[in-house]
């Protein structure tokens, strides 16, 4: 489960100036391989650090090679929208995470914890 993740450190991506050509060794978008673990990304449509188009492209390529990669986009939300101080969105992302884990068989039933 990834929340507003940086997936592109290449030229034009996040923080490229600090990594140069070494980005190829660890930048997720440059290392997509069949057999990657199932992944879900939570991101707001107003994200200002990670372009939503980059996340969508990553999903397309992951799915194309047969890897499960889900994206949950939250309308008009920006970086950190899922933090507890944004209680309603925090509840939504926790519920999304639970649903994702249930779909993989890691959680058998709805959570018993009361989110307050």
N, C-alpha and C. Protein backbone atom coordinates (compact mmCIF):
# COMPACT_ATOMS: atom_id res chain seq x y z
N UNK A 1 0.85 -1.16 0.00
CA UNK A 1 0.00 0.00 0.00
C UNK A 1 0.89 1.22 0.00
N UNK A 2 0.64 2.09 -0.97
CA UNK A 2 1.47 3.27 -1.13
C UNK A 2 0.60 4.52 -1.10
N UNK A 3 1.04 5.49 -0.33
CA UNK A 3 0.32 6.74 -0.18
C UNK A 3 1.15 7.85 -0.79
N UNK A 4 0.63 8.47 -1.84
CA UNK A 4 1.34 9.53 -2.57
C UNK A 4 2.78 9.14 -2.88
N UNK A 5 3.02 7.97 -3.45
CA UNK A 5 4.39 7.51 -3.62
C UNK A 5 5.12 8.18 -4.79
N UNK A 6 6.41 8.34 -4.61
CA UNK A 6 7.26 8.76 -5.73
C UNK A 6 7.60 7.49 -6.49
N UNK A 7 7.24 7.44 -7.76
CA UNK A 7 7.55 6.25 -8.55
C UNK A 7 8.46 6.55 -9.72
N UNK A 8 8.78 7.85 -9.92
CA UNK A 8 9.65 8.24 -11.04
C UNK A 8 10.74 9.19 -10.56
N UNK A 9 11.96 8.68 -10.52
CA UNK A 9 13.12 9.48 -10.15
C UNK A 9 13.96 9.85 -11.37
N UNK A 10 13.49 9.48 -12.56
CA UNK A 10 14.23 9.75 -13.79
C UNK A 10 14.18 11.21 -14.19
N UNK A 11 14.82 11.51 -15.32
CA UNK A 11 14.84 12.88 -15.84
C UNK A 11 13.42 13.40 -15.95
N UNK A 12 13.15 14.53 -15.35
CA UNK A 12 11.81 15.09 -15.31
C UNK A 12 10.99 14.58 -14.15
N UNK A 13 11.49 13.56 -13.44
CA UNK A 13 10.79 13.02 -12.28
C UNK A 13 11.23 13.71 -11.01
N UNK A 14 10.78 13.19 -9.91
CA UNK A 14 11.03 13.79 -8.60
C UNK A 14 12.50 13.66 -8.19
N UNK A 15 13.12 14.77 -7.86
CA UNK A 15 14.45 14.81 -7.26
C UNK A 15 15.57 14.24 -8.14
N UNK A 16 15.40 14.24 -9.42
CA UNK A 16 16.39 13.69 -10.35
C UNK A 16 17.78 14.28 -10.13
N UNK A 17 17.86 15.56 -9.83
CA UNK A 17 19.15 16.23 -9.66
C UNK A 17 20.02 15.58 -8.59
N UNK A 18 19.43 14.89 -7.66
CA UNK A 18 20.20 14.23 -6.60
C UNK A 18 20.65 12.82 -6.96
N UNK A 19 20.11 12.26 -8.04
CA UNK A 19 20.41 10.87 -8.35
C UNK A 19 21.08 10.67 -9.70
N UNK A 20 20.83 11.56 -10.65
CA UNK A 20 21.41 11.42 -11.98
C UNK A 20 21.07 10.06 -12.57
N UNK A 21 22.04 9.47 -13.27
CA UNK A 21 21.82 8.19 -13.96
C UNK A 21 21.56 7.03 -13.01
N UNK A 22 21.83 7.20 -11.71
CA UNK A 22 21.62 6.10 -10.75
C UNK A 22 20.14 5.78 -10.54
N UNK A 23 19.25 6.68 -10.98
CA UNK A 23 17.81 6.45 -10.79
C UNK A 23 17.37 5.13 -11.39
N UNK A 24 18.05 4.68 -12.42
CA UNK A 24 17.66 3.43 -13.10
C UNK A 24 17.74 2.23 -12.17
N UNK A 25 18.53 2.34 -11.13
CA UNK A 25 18.69 1.23 -10.19
C UNK A 25 17.53 1.07 -9.22
N UNK A 26 16.75 2.13 -9.00
CA UNK A 26 15.72 2.04 -7.97
C UNK A 26 14.39 2.72 -8.31
N UNK A 27 14.32 3.48 -9.37
CA UNK A 27 13.09 4.18 -9.71
C UNK A 27 12.02 3.15 -10.11
N UNK A 28 10.92 3.06 -9.36
CA UNK A 28 9.92 2.03 -9.64
C UNK A 28 9.42 1.99 -11.08
N UNK A 29 9.21 3.14 -11.68
CA UNK A 29 8.67 3.15 -13.04
C UNK A 29 9.67 2.59 -14.05
N UNK A 30 10.94 2.56 -13.69
CA UNK A 30 11.98 2.03 -14.56
C UNK A 30 12.35 0.59 -14.23
N UNK A 31 11.66 0.00 -13.31
CA UNK A 31 11.97 -1.36 -12.88
C UNK A 31 10.73 -2.25 -12.80
N UNK A 32 9.79 -2.03 -13.68
CA UNK A 32 8.57 -2.84 -13.69
C UNK A 32 8.90 -4.20 -14.28
N UNK A 33 8.57 -5.23 -13.54
CA UNK A 33 8.81 -6.61 -13.97
C UNK A 33 7.59 -7.45 -13.64
N UNK A 34 7.35 -8.46 -14.45
CA UNK A 34 6.27 -9.41 -14.17
C UNK A 34 6.56 -10.08 -12.83
N UNK A 35 5.52 -10.26 -12.04
CA UNK A 35 5.67 -10.92 -10.75
C UNK A 35 5.81 -9.98 -9.57
N UNK A 36 5.67 -8.68 -9.80
CA UNK A 36 5.72 -7.73 -8.69
C UNK A 36 4.53 -7.98 -7.76
N UNK A 37 4.67 -7.68 -6.49
CA UNK A 37 3.55 -7.91 -5.57
C UNK A 37 2.38 -7.00 -5.87
N UNK A 38 1.16 -7.43 -5.52
CA UNK A 38 -0.01 -6.57 -5.70
C UNK A 38 0.19 -5.25 -4.96
N UNK A 39 -0.24 -4.18 -5.59
CA UNK A 39 -0.01 -2.85 -5.05
C UNK A 39 -1.26 -2.00 -5.19
N UNK A 40 -1.49 -1.16 -4.19
CA UNK A 40 -2.54 -0.15 -4.29
C UNK A 40 -1.91 1.20 -3.96
N UNK A 41 -2.31 2.20 -4.73
CA UNK A 41 -1.82 3.56 -4.50
C UNK A 41 -3.01 4.45 -4.16
N UNK A 42 -2.82 5.27 -3.13
CA UNK A 42 -3.80 6.26 -2.73
C UNK A 42 -3.23 7.63 -3.09
N UNK A 43 -3.97 8.39 -3.89
CA UNK A 43 -3.48 9.69 -4.34
C UNK A 43 -4.65 10.63 -4.58
N UNK A 44 -4.42 11.91 -4.35
CA UNK A 44 -5.43 12.93 -4.62
C UNK A 44 -5.24 13.50 -6.02
N UNK A 45 -6.33 13.93 -6.63
CA UNK A 45 -6.24 14.48 -7.99
C UNK A 45 -5.52 15.82 -8.02
N UNK A 46 -5.36 16.48 -6.87
CA UNK A 46 -4.61 17.73 -6.81
C UNK A 46 -3.21 17.53 -6.24
N UNK A 47 -2.69 16.34 -6.30
CA UNK A 47 -1.33 16.06 -5.83
C UNK A 47 -0.35 17.00 -6.51
N UNK A 48 0.52 17.64 -5.73
CA UNK A 48 1.44 18.62 -6.31
C UNK A 48 2.89 18.13 -6.37
N UNK A 49 3.22 17.01 -5.77
CA UNK A 49 4.58 16.48 -5.84
C UNK A 49 4.73 15.36 -6.86
N UNK A 50 3.70 14.58 -7.02
CA UNK A 50 3.75 13.42 -7.92
C UNK A 50 2.65 13.58 -8.96
N UNK A 51 2.99 13.73 -10.23
CA UNK A 51 1.95 13.91 -11.25
C UNK A 51 1.02 12.71 -11.33
N UNK A 52 -0.27 12.97 -11.31
CA UNK A 52 -1.28 11.91 -11.40
C UNK A 52 -1.09 11.13 -12.71
N UNK A 53 -0.72 11.80 -13.78
CA UNK A 53 -0.50 11.12 -15.06
C UNK A 53 0.61 10.07 -14.95
N UNK A 54 1.62 10.33 -14.15
CA UNK A 54 2.69 9.36 -13.94
C UNK A 54 2.15 8.13 -13.23
N UNK A 55 1.31 8.34 -12.22
CA UNK A 55 0.70 7.22 -11.50
C UNK A 55 -0.18 6.39 -12.43
N UNK A 56 -0.92 7.06 -13.30
CA UNK A 56 -1.80 6.35 -14.23
C UNK A 56 -0.98 5.53 -15.23
N UNK A 57 0.12 6.09 -15.70
CA UNK A 57 0.99 5.36 -16.63
C UNK A 57 1.60 4.14 -15.93
N UNK A 58 2.04 4.31 -14.71
CA UNK A 58 2.60 3.20 -13.94
C UNK A 58 1.58 2.07 -13.81
N UNK A 59 0.34 2.43 -13.51
CA UNK A 59 -0.72 1.42 -13.41
C UNK A 59 -0.90 0.70 -14.73
N UNK A 60 -0.92 1.42 -15.82
CA UNK A 60 -1.09 0.83 -17.14
C UNK A 60 0.00 -0.20 -17.43
N UNK A 61 1.24 0.16 -17.19
CA UNK A 61 2.36 -0.74 -17.48
C UNK A 61 2.36 -1.94 -16.54
N UNK A 62 2.11 -1.70 -15.25
CA UNK A 62 2.05 -2.83 -14.30
C UNK A 62 0.97 -3.82 -14.72
N UNK A 63 -0.19 -3.32 -15.07
CA UNK A 63 -1.28 -4.20 -15.48
C UNK A 63 -0.95 -4.91 -16.80
N UNK A 64 -0.26 -4.22 -17.68
CA UNK A 64 0.09 -4.79 -18.98
C UNK A 64 0.99 -6.02 -18.85
N UNK A 65 1.88 -6.01 -17.87
CA UNK A 65 2.76 -7.18 -17.67
C UNK A 65 2.14 -8.21 -16.73
N UNK A 66 0.88 -7.98 -16.33
CA UNK A 66 0.16 -8.98 -15.54
C UNK A 66 0.23 -8.79 -14.05
N UNK A 67 0.69 -7.64 -13.59
CA UNK A 67 0.76 -7.37 -12.15
C UNK A 67 -0.49 -6.61 -11.71
N UNK A 68 -0.98 -6.95 -10.55
CA UNK A 68 -2.13 -6.20 -10.02
C UNK A 68 -1.64 -4.90 -9.42
N UNK A 69 -2.23 -3.86 -9.87
CA UNK A 69 -1.89 -2.52 -9.39
C UNK A 69 -3.16 -1.70 -9.41
N UNK A 70 -3.69 -1.37 -8.24
CA UNK A 70 -4.91 -0.58 -8.13
C UNK A 70 -4.56 0.86 -7.76
N UNK A 71 -5.40 1.77 -8.17
CA UNK A 71 -5.24 3.18 -7.81
C UNK A 71 -6.56 3.68 -7.25
N UNK A 72 -6.50 4.33 -6.11
CA UNK A 72 -7.66 5.01 -5.54
C UNK A 72 -7.37 6.50 -5.60
N UNK A 73 -8.14 7.20 -6.44
CA UNK A 73 -7.96 8.64 -6.57
C UNK A 73 -9.06 9.36 -5.79
N UNK A 74 -8.65 10.40 -5.11
CA UNK A 74 -9.57 11.18 -4.29
C UNK A 74 -9.66 12.59 -4.88
N UNK A 75 -10.85 12.93 -5.34
CA UNK A 75 -11.11 14.17 -6.05
C UNK A 75 -10.75 15.40 -5.21
N UNK A 76 -10.00 16.30 -5.84
CA UNK A 76 -9.63 17.60 -5.28
C UNK A 76 -8.81 17.51 -4.01
N UNK A 77 -8.13 16.40 -3.79
CA UNK A 77 -7.28 16.26 -2.60
C UNK A 77 -5.81 16.38 -3.02
N UNK A 78 -5.00 16.95 -2.11
CA UNK A 78 -3.59 17.11 -2.43
C UNK A 78 -2.73 16.24 -1.51
N UNK A 79 -1.45 16.51 -1.49
CA UNK A 79 -0.49 15.68 -0.76
C UNK A 79 -0.85 15.58 0.73
N UNK A 80 -0.86 14.37 1.25
CA UNK A 80 -1.11 14.13 2.66
C UNK A 80 -2.57 14.15 3.07
N UNK A 81 -3.48 14.10 2.12
CA UNK A 81 -4.92 14.17 2.41
C UNK A 81 -5.41 13.03 3.30
N UNK A 82 -4.67 11.97 3.38
CA UNK A 82 -5.09 10.77 4.11
C UNK A 82 -4.65 10.78 5.57
N UNK A 83 -3.89 11.78 5.97
CA UNK A 83 -3.43 11.86 7.36
C UNK A 83 -4.61 12.04 8.31
N UNK A 84 -4.43 11.64 9.54
CA UNK A 84 -5.50 11.63 10.53
C UNK A 84 -6.14 13.00 10.74
N UNK A 85 -5.39 14.07 10.52
CA UNK A 85 -5.96 15.41 10.69
C UNK A 85 -7.07 15.69 9.67
N UNK A 86 -7.08 14.93 8.58
CA UNK A 86 -8.16 15.00 7.59
C UNK A 86 -9.04 13.76 7.80
N UNK A 87 -9.73 13.74 8.91
CA UNK A 87 -10.37 12.54 9.44
C UNK A 87 -11.20 11.78 8.42
N UNK A 88 -12.06 12.45 7.67
CA UNK A 88 -12.94 11.73 6.73
C UNK A 88 -12.13 11.01 5.65
N UNK A 89 -11.10 11.65 5.13
CA UNK A 89 -10.28 11.01 4.11
C UNK A 89 -9.38 9.95 4.73
N UNK A 90 -8.99 10.15 5.97
CA UNK A 90 -8.22 9.13 6.67
C UNK A 90 -9.06 7.85 6.80
N UNK A 91 -10.34 8.01 7.18
CA UNK A 91 -11.24 6.85 7.29
C UNK A 91 -11.40 6.17 5.92
N UNK A 92 -11.54 6.97 4.87
CA UNK A 92 -11.74 6.40 3.53
C UNK A 92 -10.52 5.60 3.07
N UNK A 93 -9.33 6.12 3.33
CA UNK A 93 -8.14 5.39 2.88
C UNK A 93 -7.91 4.13 3.71
N UNK A 94 -8.21 4.19 5.00
CA UNK A 94 -8.09 2.98 5.82
C UNK A 94 -9.09 1.93 5.34
N UNK A 95 -10.31 2.36 5.02
CA UNK A 95 -11.31 1.42 4.50
C UNK A 95 -10.86 0.85 3.15
N UNK A 96 -10.27 1.68 2.31
CA UNK A 96 -9.74 1.22 1.02
C UNK A 96 -8.61 0.22 1.19
N UNK A 97 -7.76 0.48 2.16
CA UNK A 97 -6.66 -0.45 2.45
C UNK A 97 -7.21 -1.79 2.93
N UNK A 98 -8.20 -1.74 3.82
CA UNK A 98 -8.83 -2.98 4.31
C UNK A 98 -9.46 -3.76 3.16
N UNK A 99 -10.18 -3.07 2.28
CA UNK A 99 -10.83 -3.74 1.16
C UNK A 99 -9.79 -4.39 0.24
N UNK A 100 -8.68 -3.71 0.01
CA UNK A 100 -7.62 -4.26 -0.81
C UNK A 100 -7.05 -5.53 -0.17
N UNK A 101 -6.76 -5.47 1.12
CA UNK A 101 -6.22 -6.65 1.82
C UNK A 101 -7.23 -7.79 1.84
N UNK A 102 -8.51 -7.49 1.97
CA UNK A 102 -9.54 -8.53 1.91
C UNK A 102 -9.57 -9.17 0.53
N UNK A 103 -9.41 -8.36 -0.51
CA UNK A 103 -9.46 -8.90 -1.87
C UNK A 103 -8.29 -9.85 -2.15
N UNK A 104 -7.22 -9.68 -1.39
CA UNK A 104 -6.05 -10.57 -1.53
C UNK A 104 -6.12 -11.78 -0.60
N UNK A 105 -7.12 -11.80 0.28
CA UNK A 105 -7.26 -12.90 1.22
C UNK A 105 -6.45 -12.72 2.49
N UNK A 106 -5.86 -11.53 2.71
CA UNK A 106 -5.07 -11.28 3.92
C UNK A 106 -5.95 -10.95 5.12
N UNK A 107 -7.13 -10.38 4.85
CA UNK A 107 -8.12 -10.12 5.88
C UNK A 107 -9.39 -10.87 5.47
N UNK A 108 -9.94 -11.63 6.40
CA UNK A 108 -11.09 -12.47 6.06
C UNK A 108 -12.43 -11.75 6.22
N UNK A 109 -12.47 -10.71 7.01
CA UNK A 109 -13.75 -10.04 7.26
C UNK A 109 -13.53 -8.57 7.53
N UNK A 110 -14.63 -7.86 7.65
CA UNK A 110 -14.55 -6.43 7.93
C UNK A 110 -13.81 -6.19 9.24
N UNK A 111 -13.08 -5.09 9.33
CA UNK A 111 -12.33 -4.80 10.58
C UNK A 111 -13.25 -4.62 11.78
N UNK A 112 -12.72 -4.95 12.93
CA UNK A 112 -13.49 -4.84 14.17
C UNK A 112 -13.08 -3.61 14.96
N UNK A 113 -12.15 -2.85 14.44
CA UNK A 113 -11.67 -1.65 15.13
C UNK A 113 -12.59 -0.49 14.79
N UNK A 114 -12.96 0.28 15.78
CA UNK A 114 -13.78 1.46 15.56
C UNK A 114 -12.84 2.64 15.30
N UNK A 115 -13.00 3.26 14.17
CA UNK A 115 -12.15 4.36 13.73
C UNK A 115 -12.77 5.68 14.19
N UNK A 116 -12.20 6.28 15.23
CA UNK A 116 -12.77 7.52 15.79
C UNK A 116 -11.72 8.61 15.81
